[in-house]
Every structure is written in structure tokens, then in C-alpha cells.
Amino acid sequence: MATIGDLERNAGIGSSNAERTAFWLRFHHLEGKACLDAGVAELKRMIAERNGTELRAAKHRRQQWPAPSDDQEAALQAYAARHGRRWKSILSDVWMGGGPPSDDGGILRGLRNTHGPTWLQSYRLPKAVLRSQSDGNAAVSHVGIGKSEE
């Protein structure tokens, strides 16, 4: 069984703290075990590439995240309404440290910490009822979204 240090050396990562930190920073957005697993998988890929071999393709199951809460869903819808059709790429850039606009707020930052950018790519807003505004732009109505009322 190899240690992380062994894997880093075999992958060609330098032994200085700066070189090691530079490698692991790519995975800092992931939590705990997911961060470690992603880093180890990348180290193994780099080792295989150096040795001229290919890793066997692992069978990946799509990760299942818990559904967003009603507050998170509302925050996502509001963000989408503010930023238009590119809202996911804008939010992803903000989450990855790409700078303004930083109007994602605490609820969406929490969602970033629990679900991450990969989840955001596959997320779809619930279908909304569109209504036309007087300026000709479509606005999202929250009528008909969520749980049915009785």
C-alpha cells in the first residue's frame, strides 16, 4: 500500500510544500473524503501517464446529492432571474473564485459547500410558469412550482 507521499513522488509532484499545495488546491472545493479520493485518482492517472500505461476505466455511478431545500430552490430561482440564461456559468465562476458578481449570498454559498460545482452543472430549475412583463421580457412566476397546495 502506497502513501500519499509515495504517490506524489511517483507522479512527479515536487517535495516542497509549495509544489504539493499547488497540486492539492485543485481539489479544495471538495469536502473531506471526496477531496482525497479525487486527488489520489489524479495522482494515479499521472503515474500511469508517466509510465506509458492506461488506467482501467472505472465504472462511475452518477453521484446522488440531496435535493435542494425550498430556501435553496428559491435562492437558485432568484439568481437565475437576475442573471438570465447564463446564470449557471456565472454562478459557477463565482463559486470557483472567478470574481464578481458576488451576489450569491449565504444560502447559495452553503449549497456550493454541500453540493459543489459538479452538481450545479447537472442541476435543472423546476419548470416555471412564464408571464410576459410590460417591457417584453419574460419573468419567472413561482406559481405552480413546488409542492401542491390542498
N, C-alpha and C. Protein backbone atom coordinates (compact mmCIF):
# COMPACT_ATOMS: atom_id res chain seq x y z
N MET A 1 0.85 -1.18 0.00
CA MET A 1 0.00 0.00 0.00
C MET A 1 0.89 1.24 0.00
N ALA A 2 0.64 2.14 -0.93
CA ALA A 2 1.44 3.34 -1.06
C ALA A 2 0.85 4.46 -0.21
N THR A 3 1.72 5.33 0.26
CA THR A 3 1.27 6.51 1.00
C THR A 3 1.00 7.63 0.00
N ILE A 4 0.36 8.69 0.47
CA ILE A 4 0.13 9.86 -0.38
C ILE A 4 1.47 10.41 -0.88
N GLY A 5 2.44 10.47 0.01
CA GLY A 5 3.77 10.96 -0.37
C GLY A 5 4.39 10.12 -1.48
N ASP A 6 4.24 8.78 -1.39
CA ASP A 6 4.76 7.89 -2.44
C ASP A 6 4.06 8.19 -3.78
N LEU A 7 2.74 8.33 -3.72
CA LEU A 7 2.01 8.63 -4.95
C LEU A 7 2.44 9.96 -5.54
N GLU A 8 2.62 10.97 -4.69
CA GLU A 8 3.05 12.29 -5.18
C GLU A 8 4.42 12.20 -5.85
N ARG A 9 5.36 11.49 -5.22
CA ARG A 9 6.70 11.34 -5.81
C ARG A 9 6.63 10.61 -7.13
N ASN A 10 5.90 9.51 -7.18
CA ASN A 10 5.78 8.72 -8.41
C ASN A 10 5.09 9.49 -9.53
N ALA A 11 4.22 10.43 -9.16
CA ALA A 11 3.52 11.23 -10.16
C ALA A 11 4.34 12.41 -10.63
N GLY A 12 5.47 12.67 -9.96
CA GLY A 12 6.33 13.77 -10.37
C GLY A 12 6.03 15.08 -9.66
N ILE A 13 5.24 15.02 -8.60
CA ILE A 13 4.98 16.22 -7.80
C ILE A 13 6.21 16.46 -6.94
N GLY A 14 6.70 17.68 -6.92
CA GLY A 14 7.88 18.00 -6.12
C GLY A 14 7.61 17.83 -4.63
N SER A 15 8.67 17.76 -3.85
CA SER A 15 8.53 17.52 -2.42
C SER A 15 8.36 18.79 -1.60
N SER A 16 8.47 19.95 -2.24
CA SER A 16 8.32 21.19 -1.46
C SER A 16 6.84 21.41 -1.13
N ASN A 17 6.62 22.15 -0.04
CA ASN A 17 5.23 22.44 0.35
C ASN A 17 4.49 23.21 -0.74
N ALA A 18 5.17 24.11 -1.40
CA ALA A 18 4.54 24.91 -2.46
C ALA A 18 4.06 24.03 -3.61
N GLU A 19 4.88 23.08 -4.03
CA GLU A 19 4.50 22.20 -5.14
C GLU A 19 3.36 21.27 -4.75
N ARG A 20 3.43 20.75 -3.54
CA ARG A 20 2.36 19.87 -3.08
C ARG A 20 1.06 20.64 -2.92
N THR A 21 1.15 21.85 -2.37
CA THR A 21 -0.04 22.68 -2.18
C THR A 21 -0.66 23.03 -3.52
N ALA A 22 0.17 23.36 -4.50
CA ALA A 22 -0.34 23.70 -5.83
C ALA A 22 -1.14 22.54 -6.42
N PHE A 23 -0.67 21.32 -6.21
CA PHE A 23 -1.40 20.16 -6.72
C PHE A 23 -2.74 20.01 -6.00
N TRP A 24 -2.75 20.04 -4.68
CA TRP A 24 -3.96 19.76 -3.90
C TRP A 24 -4.98 20.88 -3.94
N LEU A 25 -4.57 22.09 -4.29
CA LEU A 25 -5.53 23.21 -4.37
C LEU A 25 -6.60 22.97 -5.42
N ARG A 26 -6.29 22.16 -6.42
CA ARG A 26 -7.28 21.86 -7.46
C ARG A 26 -8.51 21.15 -6.90
N PHE A 27 -8.35 20.55 -5.74
CA PHE A 27 -9.43 19.72 -5.19
C PHE A 27 -10.02 20.33 -3.91
N HIS A 28 -9.61 21.55 -3.57
CA HIS A 28 -10.03 22.13 -2.29
C HIS A 28 -11.52 22.41 -2.20
N HIS A 29 -12.22 22.48 -3.32
CA HIS A 29 -13.65 22.74 -3.28
C HIS A 29 -14.45 21.52 -2.85
N LEU A 30 -13.81 20.35 -2.84
CA LEU A 30 -14.48 19.12 -2.42
C LEU A 30 -14.32 18.93 -0.91
N GLU A 31 -15.24 18.25 -0.32
CA GLU A 31 -15.23 18.03 1.12
C GLU A 31 -14.55 16.69 1.47
N GLY A 32 -13.73 16.71 2.50
CA GLY A 32 -13.17 15.52 3.13
C GLY A 32 -12.72 14.42 2.21
N LYS A 33 -13.39 13.28 2.31
CA LYS A 33 -13.01 12.08 1.57
C LYS A 33 -13.07 12.30 0.05
N ALA A 34 -14.03 13.08 -0.41
CA ALA A 34 -14.14 13.34 -1.85
C ALA A 34 -12.90 14.07 -2.36
N CYS A 35 -12.37 14.99 -1.56
CA CYS A 35 -11.15 15.72 -1.92
C CYS A 35 -9.98 14.74 -2.04
N LEU A 36 -9.83 13.90 -1.04
CA LEU A 36 -8.74 12.93 -1.03
C LEU A 36 -8.87 11.94 -2.18
N ASP A 37 -10.07 11.43 -2.39
CA ASP A 37 -10.30 10.46 -3.48
C ASP A 37 -9.98 11.06 -4.85
N ALA A 38 -10.41 12.30 -5.07
CA ALA A 38 -10.15 12.95 -6.35
C ALA A 38 -8.66 13.17 -6.55
N GLY A 39 -7.97 13.59 -5.49
CA GLY A 39 -6.53 13.81 -5.59
C GLY A 39 -5.78 12.52 -5.86
N VAL A 40 -6.15 11.46 -5.17
CA VAL A 40 -5.49 10.15 -5.37
C VAL A 40 -5.75 9.64 -6.78
N ALA A 41 -6.98 9.80 -7.27
CA ALA A 41 -7.29 9.35 -8.63
C ALA A 41 -6.43 10.12 -9.65
N GLU A 42 -6.27 11.43 -9.44
CA GLU A 42 -5.44 12.23 -10.35
C GLU A 42 -3.98 11.81 -10.26
N LEU A 43 -3.48 11.54 -9.05
CA LEU A 43 -2.10 11.08 -8.89
C LEU A 43 -1.89 9.75 -9.64
N LYS A 44 -2.83 8.83 -9.50
CA LYS A 44 -2.72 7.54 -10.19
C LYS A 44 -2.76 7.73 -11.70
N ARG A 45 -3.60 8.67 -12.18
CA ARG A 45 -3.65 8.95 -13.62
C ARG A 45 -2.31 9.50 -14.09
N MET A 46 -1.72 10.40 -13.30
CA MET A 46 -0.43 10.99 -13.67
C MET A 46 0.68 9.93 -13.68
N ILE A 47 0.64 9.01 -12.73
CA ILE A 47 1.63 7.93 -12.67
C ILE A 47 1.49 7.04 -13.90
N ALA A 48 0.25 6.69 -14.23
CA ALA A 48 0.01 5.84 -15.41
C ALA A 48 0.49 6.54 -16.67
N GLU A 49 0.26 7.84 -16.76
CA GLU A 49 0.70 8.62 -17.92
C GLU A 49 2.22 8.63 -18.01
N ARG A 50 2.90 8.79 -16.88
CA ARG A 50 4.37 8.78 -16.86
C ARG A 50 4.93 7.43 -17.27
N ASN A 51 4.24 6.37 -16.85
CA ASN A 51 4.70 5.01 -17.15
C ASN A 51 4.27 4.55 -18.54
N GLY A 52 3.46 5.35 -19.22
CA GLY A 52 3.00 4.98 -20.55
C GLY A 52 1.93 3.91 -20.54
N THR A 53 1.23 3.78 -19.45
CA THR A 53 0.14 2.81 -19.36
C THR A 53 -1.16 3.56 -19.17
N GLU A 54 -2.24 2.86 -19.40
CA GLU A 54 -3.56 3.45 -19.20
C GLU A 54 -4.21 2.80 -18.01
N LEU A 55 -4.93 3.61 -17.24
CA LEU A 55 -5.72 3.07 -16.15
C LEU A 55 -6.97 2.42 -16.72
N ARG A 56 -7.41 1.37 -16.07
CA ARG A 56 -8.68 0.78 -16.48
C ARG A 56 -9.78 1.78 -16.19
N ALA A 57 -10.70 1.87 -17.09
CA ALA A 57 -11.82 2.80 -16.89
C ALA A 57 -12.66 2.31 -15.73
N ALA A 58 -12.81 3.16 -14.76
CA ALA A 58 -13.63 2.81 -13.60
C ALA A 58 -15.09 3.05 -13.96
N LYS A 59 -15.93 2.20 -13.45
CA LYS A 59 -17.35 2.39 -13.67
C LYS A 59 -17.83 3.39 -12.63
N HIS A 60 -18.24 4.54 -13.12
CA HIS A 60 -18.69 5.59 -12.22
C HIS A 60 -20.21 5.62 -12.20
N ARG A 61 -20.73 5.61 -11.01
CA ARG A 61 -22.14 5.84 -10.87
C ARG A 61 -22.33 7.33 -10.67
N ARG A 62 -23.37 7.83 -11.21
CA ARG A 62 -23.66 9.25 -11.03
C ARG A 62 -23.89 9.54 -9.55
N GLN A 63 -23.20 10.54 -9.05
CA GLN A 63 -23.33 10.89 -7.64
C GLN A 63 -24.72 11.44 -7.37
N GLN A 64 -25.30 11.01 -6.28
CA GLN A 64 -26.61 11.49 -5.88
C GLN A 64 -26.46 12.48 -4.74
N TRP A 65 -26.97 13.67 -4.94
CA TRP A 65 -26.96 14.68 -3.88
C TRP A 65 -28.37 14.84 -3.37
N PRO A 66 -28.50 15.28 -2.12
CA PRO A 66 -29.85 15.54 -1.63
C PRO A 66 -30.47 16.69 -2.41
N ALA A 67 -31.77 16.64 -2.56
CA ALA A 67 -32.48 17.70 -3.28
C ALA A 67 -32.33 19.01 -2.51
N PRO A 68 -32.25 20.13 -3.22
CA PRO A 68 -32.15 21.41 -2.53
C PRO A 68 -33.40 21.67 -1.70
N SER A 69 -33.22 22.35 -0.59
CA SER A 69 -34.35 22.72 0.26
C SER A 69 -35.18 23.78 -0.46
N ASP A 70 -36.35 24.10 0.10
CA ASP A 70 -37.20 25.13 -0.51
C ASP A 70 -36.48 26.47 -0.55
N ASP A 71 -35.74 26.81 0.52
CA ASP A 71 -34.99 28.07 0.55
C ASP A 71 -33.90 28.09 -0.52
N GLN A 72 -33.20 26.97 -0.65
CA GLN A 72 -32.14 26.88 -1.66
C GLN A 72 -32.74 26.98 -3.07
N GLU A 73 -33.85 26.30 -3.27
CA GLU A 73 -34.54 26.34 -4.56
C GLU A 73 -34.94 27.77 -4.90
N ALA A 74 -35.50 28.48 -3.92
CA ALA A 74 -35.92 29.87 -4.14
C ALA A 74 -34.71 30.76 -4.44
N ALA A 75 -33.60 30.53 -3.75
CA ALA A 75 -32.39 31.33 -3.99
C ALA A 75 -31.84 31.06 -5.40
N LEU A 76 -31.88 29.80 -5.84
CA LEU A 76 -31.44 29.47 -7.19
C LEU A 76 -32.32 30.14 -8.24
N GLN A 77 -33.63 30.11 -8.02
CA GLN A 77 -34.55 30.73 -8.97
C GLN A 77 -34.34 32.23 -9.03
N ALA A 78 -34.13 32.87 -7.88
CA ALA A 78 -33.90 34.32 -7.85
C ALA A 78 -32.60 34.66 -8.56
N TYR A 79 -31.57 33.86 -8.34
CA TYR A 79 -30.28 34.09 -9.00
C TYR A 79 -30.42 33.96 -10.52
N ALA A 80 -31.15 32.92 -10.93
CA ALA A 80 -31.37 32.71 -12.36
C ALA A 80 -32.15 33.87 -12.97
N ALA A 81 -33.12 34.38 -12.25
CA ALA A 81 -33.91 35.50 -12.75
C ALA A 81 -33.05 36.76 -12.89
N ARG A 82 -32.11 36.97 -11.96
CA ARG A 82 -31.24 38.15 -12.01
C ARG A 82 -30.21 38.08 -13.12
N HIS A 83 -29.72 36.87 -13.43
CA HIS A 83 -28.58 36.73 -14.34
C HIS A 83 -28.92 36.15 -15.70
N GLY A 84 -30.15 35.78 -15.92
CA GLY A 84 -30.56 35.34 -17.25
C GLY A 84 -30.10 33.93 -17.60
N ARG A 85 -30.07 33.67 -18.90
CA ARG A 85 -29.87 32.29 -19.35
C ARG A 85 -28.48 31.74 -19.06
N ARG A 86 -27.49 32.58 -18.78
CA ARG A 86 -26.14 32.11 -18.44
C ARG A 86 -25.92 32.02 -16.93
N TRP A 87 -27.00 31.98 -16.16
CA TRP A 87 -26.89 32.05 -14.71
C TRP A 87 -26.00 30.97 -14.12
N LYS A 88 -26.05 29.76 -14.68
CA LYS A 88 -25.24 28.67 -14.11
C LYS A 88 -23.75 28.91 -14.34
N SER A 89 -23.37 29.36 -15.51
CA SER A 89 -21.95 29.61 -15.74
C SER A 89 -21.46 30.78 -14.90
N ILE A 90 -22.30 31.79 -14.70
CA ILE A 90 -21.92 32.93 -13.86
C ILE A 90 -21.76 32.47 -12.41
N LEU A 91 -22.73 31.69 -11.91
CA LEU A 91 -22.65 31.20 -10.53
C LEU A 91 -21.46 30.26 -10.35
N SER A 92 -21.21 29.42 -11.32
CA SER A 92 -20.06 28.51 -11.25
C SER A 92 -18.76 29.30 -11.18
N ASP A 93 -18.64 30.35 -11.99
CA ASP A 93 -17.44 31.20 -11.94
C ASP A 93 -17.28 31.84 -10.57
N VAL A 94 -18.37 32.31 -10.00
CA VAL A 94 -18.31 32.91 -8.66
C VAL A 94 -17.88 31.87 -7.64
N TRP A 95 -18.46 30.68 -7.73
CA TRP A 95 -18.13 29.61 -6.78
C TRP A 95 -16.67 29.20 -6.89
N MET A 96 -16.12 29.25 -8.08
CA MET A 96 -14.73 28.82 -8.28
C MET A 96 -13.74 29.96 -8.08
N GLY A 97 -14.22 31.10 -7.59
CA GLY A 97 -13.32 32.20 -7.29
C GLY A 97 -13.07 33.12 -8.45
N GLY A 98 -13.96 33.13 -9.43
CA GLY A 98 -13.77 33.93 -10.62
C GLY A 98 -14.16 35.39 -10.47
N GLY A 99 -14.55 35.80 -9.30
CA GLY A 99 -14.84 37.20 -9.08
C GLY A 99 -16.30 37.56 -9.21
N PRO A 100 -16.57 38.86 -9.47
CA PRO A 100 -17.94 39.36 -9.46
C PRO A 100 -18.80 38.66 -10.50
N PRO A 101 -20.09 38.64 -10.38
CA PRO A 101 -20.86 39.23 -9.30
C PRO A 101 -20.89 38.32 -8.07
N SER A 102 -20.73 38.91 -6.92
CA SER A 102 -20.71 38.11 -5.69
C SER A 102 -22.02 38.24 -4.94
N ASP A 103 -23.10 38.24 -5.68
CA ASP A 103 -24.43 38.37 -5.07
C ASP A 103 -25.08 37.01 -4.83
N ASP A 104 -24.26 35.98 -4.68
CA ASP A 104 -24.83 34.64 -4.49
C ASP A 104 -25.32 34.39 -3.08
N GLY A 105 -24.91 35.18 -2.12
CA GLY A 105 -25.46 35.10 -0.77
C GLY A 105 -25.12 33.83 -0.02
N GLY A 106 -25.51 33.82 1.25
CA GLY A 106 -25.18 32.71 2.15
C GLY A 106 -25.83 31.40 1.81
N ILE A 107 -27.07 31.44 1.34
CA ILE A 107 -27.77 30.19 1.03
C ILE A 107 -27.08 29.47 -0.12
N LEU A 108 -26.72 30.22 -1.16
CA LEU A 108 -26.07 29.59 -2.31
C LEU A 108 -24.63 29.19 -1.99
N ARG A 109 -23.97 29.93 -1.12
CA ARG A 109 -22.62 29.52 -0.69
C ARG A 109 -22.69 28.20 0.07
N GLY A 110 -23.71 28.06 0.89
CA GLY A 110 -23.90 26.79 1.60
C GLY A 110 -24.15 25.64 0.63
N LEU A 111 -24.92 25.92 -0.41
CA LEU A 111 -25.18 24.91 -1.43
C LEU A 111 -23.89 24.54 -2.16
N ARG A 112 -23.04 25.53 -2.40
CA ARG A 112 -21.74 25.26 -3.01
C ARG A 112 -20.93 24.32 -2.12
N ASN A 113 -20.96 24.57 -0.81
CA ASN A 113 -20.16 23.76 0.11
C ASN A 113 -20.68 22.34 0.25
N THR A 114 -21.98 22.14 0.13
CA THR A 114 -22.53 20.79 0.29
C THR A 114 -22.63 20.02 -1.02
N HIS A 115 -22.91 20.72 -2.12
CA HIS A 115 -23.15 20.04 -3.39
C HIS A 115 -22.03 20.25 -4.41
N GLY A 116 -21.47 21.46 -4.48
CA GLY A 116 -20.34 21.73 -5.34
C GLY A 116 -20.68 22.05 -6.78
N PRO A 117 -19.66 22.49 -7.53
CA PRO A 117 -19.85 22.89 -8.92
C PRO A 117 -20.30 21.77 -9.85
N THR A 118 -19.90 20.55 -9.58
CA THR A 118 -20.32 19.43 -10.44
C THR A 118 -21.83 19.25 -10.38
N TRP A 119 -22.38 19.38 -9.19
CA TRP A 119 -23.83 19.28 -9.03
C TRP A 119 -24.52 20.38 -9.83
N LEU A 120 -23.97 21.59 -9.76
CA LEU A 120 -24.58 22.73 -10.44
C LEU A 120 -24.69 22.47 -11.95
N GLN A 121 -23.70 21.83 -12.53
CA GLN A 121 -23.72 21.57 -13.97
C GLN A 121 -24.92 20.71 -14.38
N SER A 122 -25.28 19.76 -13.53
CA SER A 122 -26.36 18.85 -13.89
C SER A 122 -27.72 19.30 -13.35
N TYR A 123 -27.73 20.34 -12.54
CA TYR A 123 -28.98 20.82 -11.93
C TYR A 123 -29.87 21.48 -12.97
N ARG A 124 -31.17 21.27 -12.85
CA ARG A 124 -32.16 21.93 -13.69
C ARG A 124 -33.19 22.60 -12.78
N LEU A 125 -33.50 23.85 -13.12
CA LEU A 125 -34.55 24.55 -12.39
C LEU A 125 -35.88 23.86 -12.66
N PRO A 126 -36.78 23.88 -11.68
CA PRO A 126 -38.11 23.32 -11.95
C PRO A 126 -38.82 24.15 -13.01
N LYS A 127 -39.70 23.52 -13.75
CA LYS A 127 -40.43 24.25 -14.78
C LYS A 127 -41.26 25.33 -14.11
N ALA A 128 -41.24 26.49 -14.70
CA ALA A 128 -41.96 27.62 -14.13
C ALA A 128 -42.99 28.12 -15.13
N VAL A 129 -43.97 28.77 -14.60
CA VAL A 129 -44.97 29.41 -15.44
C VAL A 129 -44.41 30.77 -15.82
N LEU A 130 -44.28 31.02 -17.12
CA LEU A 130 -43.74 32.29 -17.59
C LEU A 130 -44.87 33.27 -17.85
N ARG A 131 -44.62 34.50 -17.48
CA ARG A 131 -45.57 35.55 -17.81
C ARG A 131 -44.79 36.69 -18.45
N SER A 132 -45.41 37.42 -19.30
CA SER A 132 -44.73 38.50 -20.01
C SER A 132 -44.83 39.78 -19.20
N GLN A 133 -43.70 40.50 -19.12
CA GLN A 133 -43.68 41.79 -18.45
C GLN A 133 -43.98 42.86 -19.48
N SER A 134 -44.25 44.06 -19.01
CA SER A 134 -44.58 45.15 -19.92
C SER A 134 -43.42 45.53 -20.83
N ASP A 135 -42.16 45.27 -20.40
CA ASP A 135 -41.01 45.62 -21.24
C ASP A 135 -40.69 44.52 -22.25
N GLY A 136 -41.50 43.45 -22.27
CA GLY A 136 -41.31 42.39 -23.26
C GLY A 136 -40.44 41.24 -22.77
N ASN A 137 -39.83 41.38 -21.60
CA ASN A 137 -39.01 40.30 -21.06
C ASN A 137 -39.89 39.30 -20.33
N ALA A 138 -39.49 38.06 -20.37
CA ALA A 138 -40.24 37.04 -19.65
C ALA A 138 -39.78 37.02 -18.21
N ALA A 139 -40.70 36.93 -17.30
CA ALA A 139 -40.37 36.86 -15.88
C ALA A 139 -40.84 35.51 -15.35
N VAL A 140 -40.12 34.98 -14.40
CA VAL A 140 -40.46 33.69 -13.83
C VAL A 140 -41.48 33.90 -12.73
N SER A 141 -42.57 33.18 -12.82
CA SER A 141 -43.57 33.22 -11.78
C SER A 141 -43.40 31.98 -10.94
N HIS A 142 -43.52 32.13 -9.65
CA HIS A 142 -43.36 30.99 -8.76
C HIS A 142 -44.67 30.23 -8.58
N VAL A 143 -45.69 30.63 -9.31
CA VAL A 143 -46.97 29.94 -9.25
C VAL A 143 -46.81 28.58 -9.89
N GLY A 144 -47.27 27.57 -9.23
CA GLY A 144 -47.21 26.23 -9.78
C GLY A 144 -45.89 25.51 -9.55
N ILE A 145 -44.97 26.12 -8.82
CA ILE A 145 -43.70 25.49 -8.54
C ILE A 145 -43.73 24.91 -7.14
N GLY A 146 -43.14 23.78 -7.01
CA GLY A 146 -43.02 23.19 -5.67
C GLY A 146 -44.15 22.25 -5.36
N LYS A 147 -44.46 22.14 -4.09
CA LYS A 147 -45.45 21.20 -3.63
C LYS A 147 -46.86 21.73 -3.89
N SER A 148 -47.75 20.84 -4.19
CA SER A 148 -49.11 21.27 -4.44
C SER A 148 -49.79 21.60 -3.13
N GLU A 149 -50.63 22.61 -3.20
CA GLU A 149 -51.38 23.01 -2.01
C GLU A 149 -52.75 22.41 -2.08
N GLU A 150 -53.25 22.03 -0.95
CA GLU A 150 -54.58 21.43 -0.93
C GLU A 150 -55.52 22.30 -0.16
